[in-house]
Amino acid sequence: MTEIMGEFQVTGWEEGDYDEATRATRVTVRKSFSGDIEGSSVAELLGAGAEGGRGYVASEFFTGSVLGRKGTLIIQHGGLLSNPALLSQFALSAARGGPGWVPES
Protein backbone atom coordinates (compact mmCIF):
# COMPACT_ATOMS: atom_id res chain seq x y z
CA MET A 1 0.00 0.00 0.00
CA THR A 2 1.27 3.49 -0.86
CA GLU A 3 1.58 5.82 2.12
CA ILE A 4 0.69 9.44 1.42
CA MET A 5 1.63 12.17 3.90
CA GLY A 6 0.47 15.75 3.83
CA GLU A 7 -0.81 18.66 5.82
CA PHE A 8 -3.59 21.14 5.25
CA GLN A 9 -4.46 24.58 6.50
CA VAL A 10 -7.96 26.01 6.62
CA THR A 11 -7.73 29.22 4.58
CA GLY A 12 -11.40 30.16 4.68
CA TRP A 13 -14.48 29.51 6.82
CA GLU A 14 -17.77 31.12 5.82
CA GLU A 15 -20.63 30.12 8.09
CA GLY A 16 -24.25 31.10 7.89
CA ASP A 17 -27.55 29.99 9.36
CA TYR A 18 -29.25 27.49 7.11
CA ASP A 19 -32.34 26.97 9.26
CA GLU A 20 -32.37 28.67 12.63
CA ALA A 21 -35.35 26.71 13.92
CA THR A 22 -33.53 23.37 13.61
CA ARG A 23 -30.04 24.74 14.38
CA ALA A 24 -28.89 23.64 10.93
CA THR A 25 -25.83 25.42 9.54
CA ARG A 26 -24.24 25.77 6.13
CA VAL A 27 -20.45 26.28 5.96
CA THR A 28 -18.03 26.79 3.07
CA VAL A 29 -14.51 25.67 4.02
CA ARG A 30 -11.40 26.38 1.93
CA LYS A 31 -8.13 24.48 2.49
CA SER A 32 -4.60 24.46 1.09
CA PHE A 33 -2.55 21.24 1.08
CA SER A 34 1.20 20.58 1.13
CA GLY A 35 3.40 17.49 1.17
CA ASP A 36 2.60 14.46 -0.99
CA ILE A 37 -0.76 16.17 -1.55
CA GLU A 38 -0.40 19.63 -3.14
CA GLY A 39 -3.34 21.83 -4.03
CA SER A 40 -6.51 23.34 -2.66
CA SER A 41 -10.08 22.39 -1.92
CA VAL A 42 -13.49 23.91 -1.35
CA ALA A 43 -16.03 22.04 0.77
CA GLU A 44 -19.73 22.71 1.29
CA LEU A 45 -20.91 21.39 4.66
CA LEU A 46 -24.39 21.07 6.09
CA GLY A 47 -24.53 20.48 9.82
CA ALA A 48 -27.29 20.13 12.36
CA GLY A 49 -27.50 19.37 16.02
CA ALA A 50 -29.15 19.68 19.34
CA GLU A 51 -27.94 19.64 22.90
CA GLY A 52 -25.65 16.63 23.27
CA GLY A 53 -24.92 15.90 19.61
CA ARG A 54 -24.24 17.13 16.09
CA GLY A 55 -23.77 15.74 12.61
CA TYR A 56 -22.59 16.95 9.22
CA VAL A 57 -22.39 15.92 5.57
CA ALA A 58 -20.06 17.51 3.04
CA SER A 59 -18.96 17.54 -0.58
CA GLU A 60 -15.33 18.59 -0.98
CA PHE A 61 -13.74 19.39 -4.33
CA PHE A 62 -9.92 19.05 -4.39
CA THR A 63 -7.77 20.24 -7.30
CA GLY A 64 -4.03 19.59 -7.33
CA SER A 65 -1.72 16.62 -7.25
CA VAL A 66 -1.19 13.46 -5.25
CA LEU A 67 2.39 12.14 -5.47
CA GLY A 68 2.86 14.36 -8.54
CA ARG A 69 -0.23 13.09 -10.40
CA LYS A 70 -2.52 16.01 -11.23
CA GLY A 71 -6.29 15.97 -11.24
CA THR A 72 -9.48 16.60 -9.33
CA LEU A 73 -10.85 14.58 -6.46
CA ILE A 74 -14.40 14.77 -5.13
CA ILE A 75 -14.71 13.66 -1.51
CA GLN A 76 -18.03 13.01 0.20
CA HIS A 77 -17.65 12.91 3.98
CA GLY A 78 -19.64 13.23 7.16
CA GLY A 79 -19.86 12.30 10.77
CA LEU A 80 -21.93 12.14 13.94
CA LEU A 81 -20.79 13.39 17.32
CA SER A 82 -22.47 12.71 20.65
CA ASN A 83 -20.66 14.77 23.25
CA PRO A 84 -17.92 13.90 23.80
CA ALA A 85 -17.64 10.73 21.67
CA LEU A 86 -17.41 10.45 17.88
CA LEU A 87 -20.10 7.94 16.92
CA SER A 88 -19.33 7.48 13.25
CA GLN A 89 -17.70 9.05 10.24
CA PHE A 90 -17.35 8.21 6.57
CA ALA A 91 -15.51 9.35 3.46
CA LEU A 92 -15.97 8.37 -0.18
CA SER A 93 -14.08 9.73 -3.17
CA ALA A 94 -14.21 9.81 -6.95
CA ALA A 95 -11.21 10.82 -9.06
CA ARG A 96 -11.29 12.86 -12.24
CA GLY A 97 -8.15 13.65 -14.16
CA GLY A 98 -7.24 10.76 -16.39
CA PRO A 99 -5.98 7.21 -15.95
CA GLY A 100 -3.57 6.54 -13.12
CA TRP A 101 -3.82 9.89 -11.41
CA VAL A 102 -4.68 8.31 -8.06
CA PRO A 103 -1.81 6.12 -6.78
CA GLU A 104 -2.51 2.42 -6.83
CA SER A 105 -2.42 0.50 -3.55
PDB file of N, CA and C in Angstrom:
ATOM      1  N   MET A   1       0.850  -1.171   0.000  1.00  0.00           N
ATOM      2  CA  MET A   1       0.000   0.000   0.000  1.00  0.00           C
ATOM      3  C   MET A   1       0.900   1.240   0.000  1.00  0.00           C
ATOM      4  N   THR A   2       0.543   2.223  -0.791  1.00  0.00           N
ATOM      5  CA  THR A   2       1.274   3.486  -0.859  1.00  0.00           C
ATOM      6  C   THR A   2       0.870   4.381   0.307  1.00  0.00           C
ATOM      7  N   GLU A   3       1.859   4.895   1.024  1.00  0.00           N
ATOM      8  CA  GLU A   3       1.576   5.818   2.118  1.00  0.00           C
ATOM      9  C   GLU A   3       1.711   7.244   1.606  1.00  0.00           C
ATOM     10  N   ILE A   4       0.718   8.053   1.868  1.00  0.00           N
ATOM     11  CA  ILE A   4       0.689   9.444   1.422  1.00  0.00           C
ATOM     12  C   ILE A   4       0.632  10.330   2.662  1.00  0.00           C
ATOM     13  N   MET A   5       1.576  11.269   2.749  1.00  0.00           N
ATOM     14  CA  MET A   5       1.633  12.170   3.902  1.00  0.00           C
ATOM     15  C   MET A   5       1.441  13.606   3.428  1.00  0.00           C
ATOM     16  N   GLY A   6       0.675  14.357   4.171  1.00  0.00           N
ATOM     17  CA  GLY A   6       0.467  15.754   3.828  1.00  0.00           C
ATOM     18  C   GLY A   6      -0.160  16.503   4.976  1.00  0.00           C
ATOM     19  N   GLU A   7      -0.180  17.793   4.828  1.00  0.00           N
ATOM     20  CA  GLU A   7      -0.808  18.663   5.816  1.00  0.00           C
ATOM     21  C   GLU A   7      -1.758  19.600   5.091  1.00  0.00           C
ATOM     22  N   PHE A   8      -2.723  20.114   5.835  1.00  0.00           N
ATOM     23  CA  PHE A   8      -3.590  21.140   5.250  1.00  0.00           C
ATOM     24  C   PHE A   8      -3.793  22.255   6.245  1.00  0.00           C
ATOM     25  N   GLN A   9      -4.092  23.421   5.699  1.00  0.00           N
ATOM     26  CA  GLN A   9      -4.458  24.580   6.504  1.00  0.00           C
ATOM     27  C   GLN A   9      -5.816  25.063   6.024  1.00  0.00           C
ATOM     28  N   VAL A  10      -6.676  25.407   6.965  1.00  0.00           N
ATOM     29  CA  VAL A  10      -7.957  26.009   6.621  1.00  0.00           C
ATOM     30  C   VAL A  10      -7.681  27.466   6.278  1.00  0.00           C
ATOM     31  N   THR A  11      -7.994  27.854   5.040  1.00  0.00           N
ATOM     32  CA  THR A  11      -7.731  29.221   4.578  1.00  0.00           C
ATOM     33  C   THR A  11      -8.997  30.063   4.511  1.00  0.00           C
ATOM     34  N   GLY A  12     -10.142  29.424   4.687  1.00  0.00           N
ATOM     35  CA  GLY A  12     -11.399  30.159   4.682  1.00  0.00           C
ATOM     36  C   GLY A  12     -12.492  29.388   5.390  1.00  0.00           C
ATOM     37  N   TRP A  13     -13.355  30.114   6.100  1.00  0.00           N
ATOM     38  CA  TRP A  13     -14.478  29.510   6.823  1.00  0.00           C
ATOM     39  C   TRP A  13     -15.614  30.511   6.785  1.00  0.00           C
ATOM     40  N   GLU A  14     -16.626  30.226   5.963  1.00  0.00           N
ATOM     41  CA  GLU A  14     -17.775  31.124   5.822  1.00  0.00           C
ATOM     42  C   GLU A  14     -19.013  30.386   6.313  1.00  0.00           C
ATOM     43  N   GLU A  15     -19.511  30.802   7.464  1.00  0.00           N
ATOM     44  CA  GLU A  15     -20.633  30.117   8.091  1.00  0.00           C
ATOM     45  C   GLU A  15     -21.866  31.002   8.070  1.00  0.00           C
ATOM     46  N   GLY A  16     -22.998  30.374   7.861  1.00  0.00           N
ATOM     47  CA  GLY A  16     -24.252  31.102   7.894  1.00  0.00           C
ATOM     48  C   GLY A  16     -25.359  30.202   8.386  1.00  0.00           C
ATOM     49  N   ASP A  17     -26.411  30.787   8.920  1.00  0.00           N
ATOM     50  CA  ASP A  17     -27.547  29.993   9.359  1.00  0.00           C
ATOM     51  C   ASP A  17     -28.252  29.419   8.145  1.00  0.00           C
ATOM     52  N   TYR A  18     -28.526  28.163   8.177  1.00  0.00           N
ATOM     53  CA  TYR A  18     -29.251  27.495   7.107  1.00  0.00           C
ATOM     54  C   TYR A  18     -30.724  27.420   7.490  1.00  0.00           C
ATOM     55  N   ASP A  19     -30.981  27.014   8.733  1.00  0.00           N
ATOM     56  CA  ASP A  19     -32.340  26.969   9.257  1.00  0.00           C
ATOM     57  C   ASP A  19     -32.254  27.146  10.768  1.00  0.00           C
ATOM     58  N   GLU A  20     -32.531  28.340  11.222  1.00  0.00           N
ATOM     59  CA  GLU A  20     -32.367  28.671  12.627  1.00  0.00           C
ATOM     60  C   GLU A  20     -33.253  27.827  13.543  1.00  0.00           C
ATOM     61  N   ALA A  21     -34.423  27.468  13.080  1.00  0.00           N
ATOM     62  CA  ALA A  21     -35.353  26.707  13.919  1.00  0.00           C
ATOM     63  C   ALA A  21     -34.802  25.326  14.275  1.00  0.00           C
ATOM     64  N   THR A  22     -34.065  24.705  13.370  1.00  0.00           N
ATOM     65  CA  THR A  22     -33.533  23.368  13.612  1.00  0.00           C
ATOM     66  C   THR A  22     -32.047  23.376  13.956  1.00  0.00           C
ATOM     67  N   ARG A  23     -31.462  24.573  14.099  1.00  0.00           N
ATOM     68  CA  ARG A  23     -30.042  24.743  14.385  1.00  0.00           C
ATOM     69  C   ARG A  23     -29.167  24.131  13.286  1.00  0.00           C
ATOM     70  N   ALA A  24     -29.674  24.111  12.064  1.00  0.00           N
ATOM     71  CA  ALA A  24     -28.893  23.638  10.930  1.00  0.00           C
ATOM     72  C   ALA A  24     -28.011  24.784  10.442  1.00  0.00           C
ATOM     73  N   THR A  25     -26.810  24.428   9.974  1.00  0.00           N
ATOM     74  CA  THR A  25     -25.835  25.419   9.537  1.00  0.00           C
ATOM     75  C   THR A  25     -25.233  25.002   8.209  1.00  0.00           C
ATOM     76  N   ARG A  26     -24.942  25.999   7.391  1.00  0.00           N
ATOM     77  CA  ARG A  26     -24.235  25.773   6.134  1.00  0.00           C
ATOM     78  C   ARG A  26     -22.878  26.464   6.248  1.00  0.00           C
ATOM     79  N   VAL A  27     -21.805  25.745   5.863  1.00  0.00           N
ATOM     80  CA  VAL A  27     -20.454  26.277   5.962  1.00  0.00           C
ATOM     81  C   VAL A  27     -19.706  25.992   4.671  1.00  0.00           C
ATOM     82  N   THR A  28     -18.970  26.986   4.169  1.00  0.00           N
ATOM     83  CA  THR A  28     -18.031  26.794   3.071  1.00  0.00           C
ATOM     84  C   THR A  28     -16.630  26.843   3.672  1.00  0.00           C
ATOM     85  N   VAL A  29     -15.865  25.769   3.459  1.00  0.00           N
ATOM     86  CA  VAL A  29     -14.515  25.666   4.016  1.00  0.00           C
ATOM     87  C   VAL A  29     -13.521  25.574   2.868  1.00  0.00           C
ATOM     88  N   ARG A  30     -12.478  26.400   2.924  1.00  0.00           N
ATOM     89  CA  ARG A  30     -11.399  26.378   1.931  1.00  0.00           C
ATOM     90  C   ARG A  30     -10.133  25.907   2.616  1.00  0.00           C
ATOM     91  N   LYS A  31      -9.366  25.025   1.923  1.00  0.00           N
ATOM     92  CA  LYS A  31      -8.131  24.478   2.487  1.00  0.00           C
ATOM     93  C   LYS A  31      -7.013  24.542   1.448  1.00  0.00           C
ATOM     94  N   SER A  32      -5.779  24.630   1.941  1.00  0.00           N
ATOM     95  CA  SER A  32      -4.601  24.460   1.086  1.00  0.00           C
ATOM     96  C   SER A  32      -3.817  23.275   1.634  1.00  0.00           C
ATOM     97  N   PHE A  33      -3.247  22.470   0.724  1.00  0.00           N
ATOM     98  CA  PHE A  33      -2.552  21.241   1.075  1.00  0.00           C
ATOM     99  C   PHE A  33      -1.091  21.322   0.671  1.00  0.00           C
ATOM    100  N   SER A  34      -0.226  20.671   1.465  1.00  0.00           N
ATOM    101  CA  SER A  34       1.198  20.582   1.127  1.00  0.00           C
ATOM    102  C   SER A  34       1.713  19.202   1.524  1.00  0.00           C
ATOM    103  N   GLY A  35       2.832  18.812   0.938  1.00  0.00           N
ATOM    104  CA  GLY A  35       3.398  17.485   1.174  1.00  0.00           C
ATOM    105  C   GLY A  35       3.187  16.635  -0.053  1.00  0.00           C
ATOM    106  N   ASP A  36       2.888  15.345   0.140  1.00  0.00           N
ATOM    107  CA  ASP A  36       2.602  14.456  -0.985  1.00  0.00           C
ATOM    108  C   ASP A  36       1.322  14.873  -1.698  1.00  0.00           C
ATOM    109  N   ILE A  37       0.488  15.624  -0.996  1.00  0.00           N
ATOM    110  CA  ILE A  37      -0.755  16.170  -1.546  1.00  0.00           C
ATOM    111  C   ILE A  37      -0.560  17.674  -1.664  1.00  0.00           C
ATOM    112  N   GLU A  38      -0.578  18.199  -2.889  1.00  0.00           N
ATOM    113  CA  GLU A  38      -0.400  19.633  -3.142  1.00  0.00           C
ATOM    114  C   GLU A  38      -1.644  20.156  -3.842  1.00  0.00           C
ATOM    115  N   GLY A  39      -2.194  21.250  -3.356  1.00  0.00           N
ATOM    116  CA  GLY A  39      -3.341  21.830  -4.032  1.00  0.00           C
ATOM    117  C   GLY A  39      -4.267  22.544  -3.065  1.00  0.00           C
ATOM    118  N   SER A  40      -5.518  22.653  -3.488  1.00  0.00           N
ATOM    119  CA  SER A  40      -6.505  23.339  -2.659  1.00  0.00           C
ATOM    120  C   SER A  40      -7.857  22.668  -2.814  1.00  0.00           C
ATOM    121  N   SER A  41      -8.733  22.944  -1.843  1.00  0.00           N
ATOM    122  CA  SER A  41     -10.081  22.386  -1.918  1.00  0.00           C
ATOM    123  C   SER A  41     -11.096  23.399  -1.415  1.00  0.00           C
ATOM    124  N   VAL A  42     -12.331  23.168  -1.842  1.00  0.00           N
ATOM    125  CA  VAL A  42     -13.490  23.907  -1.353  1.00  0.00           C
ATOM    126  C   VAL A  42     -14.522  22.868  -0.954  1.00  0.00           C
ATOM    127  N   ALA A  43     -15.031  22.980   0.279  1.00  0.00           N
ATOM    128  CA  ALA A  43     -16.034  22.036   0.770  1.00  0.00           C
ATOM    129  C   ALA A  43     -17.291  22.791   1.171  1.00  0.00           C
ATOM    130  N   GLU A  44     -18.431  22.201   0.845  1.00  0.00           N
ATOM    131  CA  GLU A  44     -19.727  22.710   1.291  1.00  0.00           C
ATOM    132  C   GLU A  44     -20.253  21.733   2.330  1.00  0.00           C
ATOM    133  N   LEU A  45     -20.452  22.223   3.555  1.00  0.00           N
ATOM    134  CA  LEU A  45     -20.912  21.389   4.655  1.00  0.00           C
ATOM    135  C   LEU A  45     -22.300  21.806   5.096  1.00  0.00           C
ATOM    136  N   LEU A  46     -23.114  20.830   5.443  1.00  0.00           N
ATOM    137  CA  LEU A  46     -24.392  21.066   6.093  1.00  0.00           C
ATOM    138  C   LEU A  46     -24.338  20.350   7.429  1.00  0.00           C
ATOM    139  N   GLY A  47     -24.575  21.067   8.496  1.00  0.00           N
ATOM    140  CA  GLY A  47     -24.526  20.482   9.822  1.00  0.00           C
ATOM    141  C   GLY A  47     -25.788  20.794  10.593  1.00  0.00           C
ATOM    142  N   ALA A  48     -26.125  19.909  11.513  1.00  0.00           N
ATOM    143  CA  ALA A  48     -27.292  20.131  12.355  1.00  0.00           C
ATOM    144  C   ALA A  48     -27.036  19.472  13.701  1.00  0.00           C
ATOM    145  N   GLY A  49     -27.691  19.970  14.712  1.00  0.00           N
ATOM    146  CA  GLY A  49     -27.503  19.368  16.021  1.00  0.00           C
ATOM    147  C   GLY A  49     -28.448  19.905  17.052  1.00  0.00           C
ATOM    148  N   ALA A  50     -28.379  19.266  18.180  1.00  0.00           N
ATOM    149  CA  ALA A  50     -29.151  19.677  19.340  1.00  0.00           C
ATOM    150  C   ALA A  50     -28.243  19.474  20.539  1.00  0.00           C
ATOM    151  N   GLU A  51     -28.736  19.802  21.706  1.00  0.00           N
ATOM    152  CA  GLU A  51     -27.938  19.636  22.899  1.00  0.00           C
ATOM    153  C   GLU A  51     -27.481  18.180  23.005  1.00  0.00           C
ATOM    154  N   GLY A  52     -26.178  17.984  23.108  1.00  0.00           N
ATOM    155  CA  GLY A  52     -25.651  16.634  23.267  1.00  0.00           C
ATOM    156  C   GLY A  52     -25.168  15.966  21.999  1.00  0.00           C
ATOM    157  N   GLY A  53     -25.389  16.555  20.825  1.00  0.00           N
ATOM    158  CA  GLY A  53     -24.920  15.896  19.610  1.00  0.00           C
ATOM    159  C   GLY A  53     -25.051  16.747  18.370  1.00  0.00           C
ATOM    160  N   ARG A  54     -24.228  16.438  17.375  1.00  0.00           N
ATOM    161  CA  ARG A  54     -24.244  17.133  16.087  1.00  0.00           C
ATOM    162  C   ARG A  54     -23.872  16.143  14.992  1.00  0.00           C
ATOM    163  N   GLY A  55     -24.172  16.525  13.770  1.00  0.00           N
ATOM    164  CA  GLY A  55     -23.768  15.741  12.615  1.00  0.00           C
ATOM    165  C   GLY A  55     -23.541  16.655  11.433  1.00  0.00           C
ATOM    166  N   TYR A  56     -22.801  16.161  10.435  1.00  0.00           N
ATOM    167  CA  TYR A  56     -22.592  16.946   9.221  1.00  0.00           C
ATOM    168  C   TYR A  56     -22.427  16.020   8.022  1.00  0.00           C
ATOM    169  N   VAL A  57     -22.708  16.543   6.848  1.00  0.00           N
ATOM    170  CA  VAL A  57     -22.394  15.917   5.567  1.00  0.00           C
ATOM    171  C   VAL A  57     -21.715  16.974   4.716  1.00  0.00           C
ATOM    172  N   ALA A  58     -20.809  16.541   3.837  1.00  0.00           N
ATOM    173  CA  ALA A  58     -20.065  17.506   3.036  1.00  0.00           C
ATOM    174  C   ALA A  58     -19.694  16.934   1.687  1.00  0.00           C
ATOM    175  N   SER A  59     -19.562  17.834   0.716  1.00  0.00           N
ATOM    176  CA  SER A  59     -18.963  17.542  -0.583  1.00  0.00           C
ATOM    177  C   SER A  59     -17.749  18.445  -0.704  1.00  0.00           C
ATOM    178  N   GLU A  60     -16.576  17.840  -0.901  1.00  0.00           N
ATOM    179  CA  GLU A  60     -15.327  18.589  -0.977  1.00  0.00           C
ATOM    180  C   GLU A  60     -14.697  18.357  -2.345  1.00  0.00           C
ATOM    181  N   PHE A  61     -14.306  19.448  -2.989  1.00  0.00           N
ATOM    182  CA  PHE A  61     -13.738  19.395  -4.329  1.00  0.00           C
ATOM    183  C   PHE A  61     -12.266  19.800  -4.248  1.00  0.00           C
ATOM    184  N   PHE A  62     -11.363  18.829  -4.465  1.00  0.00           N
ATOM    185  CA  PHE A  62      -9.924  19.052  -4.386  1.00  0.00           C
ATOM    186  C   PHE A  62      -9.348  19.129  -5.790  1.00  0.00           C
ATOM    187  N   THR A  63      -8.496  20.123  -6.040  1.00  0.00           N
ATOM    188  CA  THR A  63      -7.766  20.241  -7.302  1.00  0.00           C
ATOM    189  C   THR A  63      -6.292  20.377  -6.972  1.00  0.00           C
ATOM    190  N   GLY A  64      -5.464  19.552  -7.596  1.00  0.00           N
ATOM    191  CA  GLY A  64      -4.034  19.594  -7.331  1.00  0.00           C
ATOM    192  C   GLY A  64      -3.371  18.310  -7.746  1.00  0.00           C
ATOM    193  N   SER A  65      -2.431  17.845  -6.925  1.00  0.00           N
ATOM    194  CA  SER A  65      -1.715  16.623  -7.252  1.00  0.00           C
ATOM    195  C   SER A  65      -1.535  15.751  -6.013  1.00  0.00           C
ATOM    196  N   VAL A  66      -1.489  14.453  -6.267  1.00  0.00           N
ATOM    197  CA  VAL A  66      -1.194  13.457  -5.247  1.00  0.00           C
ATOM    198  C   VAL A  66       0.009  12.683  -5.765  1.00  0.00           C
ATOM    199  N   LEU A  67       1.130  12.768  -5.035  1.00  0.00           N
ATOM    200  CA  LEU A  67       2.386  12.142  -5.470  1.00  0.00           C
ATOM    201  C   LEU A  67       2.751  12.551  -6.890  1.00  0.00           C
ATOM    202  N   GLY A  68       2.499  13.818  -7.229  1.00  0.00           N
ATOM    203  CA  GLY A  68       2.857  14.356  -8.537  1.00  0.00           C
ATOM    204  C   GLY A  68       1.860  14.106  -9.644  1.00  0.00           C
ATOM    205  N   ARG A  69       0.803  13.373  -9.384  1.00  0.00           N
ATOM    206  CA  ARG A  69      -0.226  13.095 -10.399  1.00  0.00           C
ATOM    207  C   ARG A  69      -1.342  14.107 -10.253  1.00  0.00           C
ATOM    208  N   LYS A  70      -1.564  14.898 -11.302  1.00  0.00           N
ATOM    209  CA  LYS A  70      -2.522  16.008 -11.229  1.00  0.00           C
ATOM    210  C   LYS A  70      -3.934  15.566 -11.566  1.00  0.00           C
ATOM    211  N   GLY A  71      -4.897  16.252 -10.948  1.00  0.00           N
ATOM    212  CA  GLY A  71      -6.293  15.971 -11.242  1.00  0.00           C
ATOM    213  C   GLY A  71      -7.215  16.603 -10.235  1.00  0.00           C
ATOM    214  N   THR A  72      -8.441  16.117 -10.226  1.00  0.00           N
ATOM    215  CA  THR A  72      -9.479  16.604  -9.334  1.00  0.00           C
ATOM    216  C   THR A  72     -10.052  15.418  -8.582  1.00  0.00           C
ATOM    217  N   LEU A  73     -10.297  15.615  -7.304  1.00  0.00           N
ATOM    218  CA  LEU A  73     -10.854  14.582  -6.459  1.00  0.00           C
ATOM    219  C   LEU A  73     -12.097  15.134  -5.784  1.00  0.00           C
ATOM    220  N   ILE A  74     -13.167  14.377  -5.805  1.00  0.00           N
ATOM    221  CA  ILE A  74     -14.404  14.774  -5.130  1.00  0.00           C
ATOM    222  C   ILE A  74     -14.555  13.858  -3.926  1.00  0.00           C
ATOM    223  N   ILE A  75     -14.645  14.442  -2.742  1.00  0.00           N
ATOM    224  CA  ILE A  75     -14.714  13.664  -1.509  1.00  0.00           C
ATOM    225  C   ILE A  75     -16.044  13.947  -0.826  1.00  0.00           C
ATOM    226  N   GLN A  76     -16.795  12.905  -0.557  1.00  0.00           N
ATOM    227  CA  GLN A  76     -18.034  13.012   0.198  1.00  0.00           C
ATOM    228  C   GLN A  76     -17.703  12.534   1.609  1.00  0.00           C
ATOM    229  N   HIS A  77     -17.946  13.358   2.625  1.00  0.00           N
ATOM    230  CA  HIS A  77     -17.655  12.913   3.982  1.00  0.00           C
ATOM    231  C   HIS A  77     -18.673  13.440   4.963  1.00  0.00           C
ATOM    232  N   GLY A  78     -18.697  12.831   6.133  1.00  0.00           N
ATOM    233  CA  GLY A  78     -19.638  13.234   7.158  1.00  0.00           C
ATOM    234  C   GLY A  78     -19.338  12.548   8.458  1.00  0.00           C
ATOM    235  N   GLY A  79     -20.069  12.914   9.477  1.00  0.00           N
ATOM    236  CA  GLY A  79     -19.864  12.295  10.769  1.00  0.00           C
ATOM    237  C   GLY A  79     -20.951  12.671  11.755  1.00  0.00           C
ATOM    238  N   LEU A  80     -20.999  11.899  12.842  1.00  0.00           N
ATOM    239  CA  LEU A  80     -21.929  12.137  13.940  1.00  0.00           C
ATOM    240  C   LEU A  80     -21.138  12.223  15.227  1.00  0.00           C
ATOM    241  N   LEU A  81     -21.472  13.182  16.061  1.00  0.00           N
ATOM    242  CA  LEU A  81     -20.787  13.389  17.322  1.00  0.00           C
ATOM    243  C   LEU A  81     -21.818  13.462  18.428  1.00  0.00           C
ATOM    244  N   SER A  82     -21.641  12.639  19.449  1.00  0.00           N
ATOM    245  CA  SER A  82     -22.472  12.714  20.650  1.00  0.00           C
ATOM    246  C   SER A  82     -21.527  13.054  21.780  1.00  0.00           C
ATOM    247  N   ASN A  83     -21.647  14.255  22.293  1.00  0.00           N
ATOM    248  CA  ASN A  83     -20.665  14.773  23.250  1.00  0.00           C
ATOM    249  C   ASN A  83     -20.347  13.764  24.330  1.00  0.00           C
ATOM    250  N   PRO A  84     -19.085  13.433  24.547  1.00  0.00           N
ATOM    251  CA  PRO A  84     -17.916  13.897  23.805  1.00  0.00           C
ATOM    252  C   PRO A  84     -17.426  12.898  22.761  1.00  0.00           C
ATOM    253  N   ALA A  85     -18.152  11.820  22.508  1.00  0.00           N
ATOM    254  CA  ALA A  85     -17.641  10.732  21.666  1.00  0.00           C
ATOM    255  C   ALA A  85     -18.052  10.871  20.208  1.00  0.00           C
ATOM    256  N   LEU A  86     -17.119  10.534  19.307  1.00  0.00           N
ATOM    257  CA  LEU A  86     -17.413  10.452  17.879  1.00  0.00           C
ATOM    258  C   LEU A  86     -18.118   9.119  17.642  1.00  0.00           C
ATOM    259  N   LEU A  87     -19.339   9.165  17.133  1.00  0.00           N
ATOM    260  CA  LEU A  87     -20.100   7.937  16.922  1.00  0.00           C
ATOM    261  C   LEU A  87     -19.769   7.270  15.602  1.00  0.00           C
ATOM    262  N   SER A  88     -19.656   8.057  14.544  1.00  0.00           N
ATOM    263  CA  SER A  88     -19.332   7.482  13.249  1.00  0.00           C
ATOM    264  C   SER A  88     -18.856   8.574  12.306  1.00  0.00           C
ATOM    265  N   GLN A  89     -18.108   8.139  11.297  1.00  0.00           N
ATOM    266  CA  GLN A  89     -17.696   9.048  10.238  1.00  0.00           C
ATOM    267  C   GLN A  89     -17.493   8.232   8.980  1.00  0.00           C
ATOM    268  N   PHE A  90     -17.549   8.910   7.827  1.00  0.00           N
ATOM    269  CA  PHE A  90     -17.349   8.210   6.571  1.00  0.00           C
ATOM    270  C   PHE A  90     -16.702   9.152   5.578  1.00  0.00           C
ATOM    271  N   ALA A  91     -16.084   8.576   4.561  1.00  0.00           N
ATOM    272  CA  ALA A  91     -15.510   9.348   3.458  1.00  0.00           C
ATOM    273  C   ALA A  91     -15.516   8.474   2.215  1.00  0.00           C
ATOM    274  N   LEU A  92     -15.961   9.036   1.118  1.00  0.00           N
ATOM    275  CA  LEU A  92     -15.966   8.375  -0.182  1.00  0.00           C
ATOM    276  C   LEU A  92     -15.347   9.336  -1.179  1.00  0.00           C
ATOM    277  N   SER A  93     -14.680   8.824  -2.200  1.00  0.00           N
ATOM    278  CA  SER A  93     -14.081   9.734  -3.170  1.00  0.00           C
ATOM    279  C   SER A  93     -14.235   9.206  -4.584  1.00  0.00           C
ATOM    280  N   ALA A  94     -14.186  10.130  -5.524  1.00  0.00           N
ATOM    281  CA  ALA A  94     -14.210   9.808  -6.948  1.00  0.00           C
ATOM    282  C   ALA A  94     -13.166  10.687  -7.625  1.00  0.00           C
ATOM    283  N   ALA A  95     -12.291  10.078  -8.413  1.00  0.00           N
ATOM    284  CA  ALA A  95     -11.211  10.822  -9.063  1.00  0.00           C
ATOM    285  C   ALA A  95     -11.610  11.214 -10.467  1.00  0.00           C
ATOM    286  N   ARG A  96     -11.171  12.417 -10.853  1.00  0.00           N
ATOM    287  CA  ARG A  96     -11.292  12.859 -12.241  1.00  0.00           C
ATOM    288  C   ARG A  96      -9.919  13.390 -12.606  1.00  0.00           C
ATOM    289  N   GLY A  97      -9.441  13.112 -13.778  1.00  0.00           N
ATOM    290  CA  GLY A  97      -8.153  13.647 -14.163  1.00  0.00           C
ATOM    291  C   GLY A  97      -7.347  12.695 -15.011  1.00  0.00           C
ATOM    292  N   GLY A  98      -7.943  11.652 -15.495  1.00  0.00           N
ATOM    293  CA  GLY A  98      -7.238  10.756 -16.385  1.00  0.00           C
ATOM    294  C   GLY A  98      -6.769   9.486 -15.688  1.00  0.00           C
ATOM    295  N   PRO A  99      -6.396   8.510 -16.498  1.00  0.00           N
ATOM    296  CA  PRO A  99      -5.985   7.212 -15.951  1.00  0.00           C
ATOM    297  C   PRO A  99      -4.736   7.346 -15.075  1.00  0.00           C
ATOM    298  N   GLY A 100      -4.744   6.640 -13.963  1.00  0.00           N
ATOM    299  CA  GLY A 100      -3.568   6.543 -13.119  1.00  0.00           C
ATOM    300  C   GLY A 100      -3.259   7.742 -12.277  1.00  0.00           C
ATOM    301  N   TRP A 101      -4.169   8.689 -12.183  1.00  0.00           N
ATOM    302  CA  TRP A 101      -3.818   9.886 -11.410  1.00  0.00           C
ATOM    303  C   TRP A 101      -3.828   9.609  -9.928  1.00  0.00           C
ATOM    304  N   VAL A 102      -4.683   8.681  -9.467  1.00  0.00           N
ATOM    305  CA  VAL A 102      -4.680   8.308  -8.063  1.00  0.00           C
ATOM    306  C   VAL A 102      -3.732   7.130  -7.896  1.00  0.00           C
ATOM    307  N   PRO A 103      -2.769   7.208  -6.961  1.00  0.00           N
ATOM    308  CA  PRO A 103      -1.806   6.119  -6.776  1.00  0.00           C
ATOM    309  C   PRO A 103      -2.498   4.789  -6.489  1.00  0.00           C
ATOM    310  N   GLU A 104      -1.963   3.745  -7.069  1.00  0.00           N
ATOM    311  CA  GLU A 104      -2.508   2.415  -6.834  1.00  0.00           C
ATOM    312  C   GLU A 104      -2.007   1.880  -5.511  1.00  0.00           C
ATOM    313  N   SER A 105      -2.844   1.073  -4.840  1.00  0.00           N
ATOM    314  CA  SER A 105      -2.416   0.501  -3.554  1.00  0.00           C
ATOM    315  C   SER A 105      -1.726  -0.824  -3.767  1.00  0.00           C
TER     316      SER A 105
END
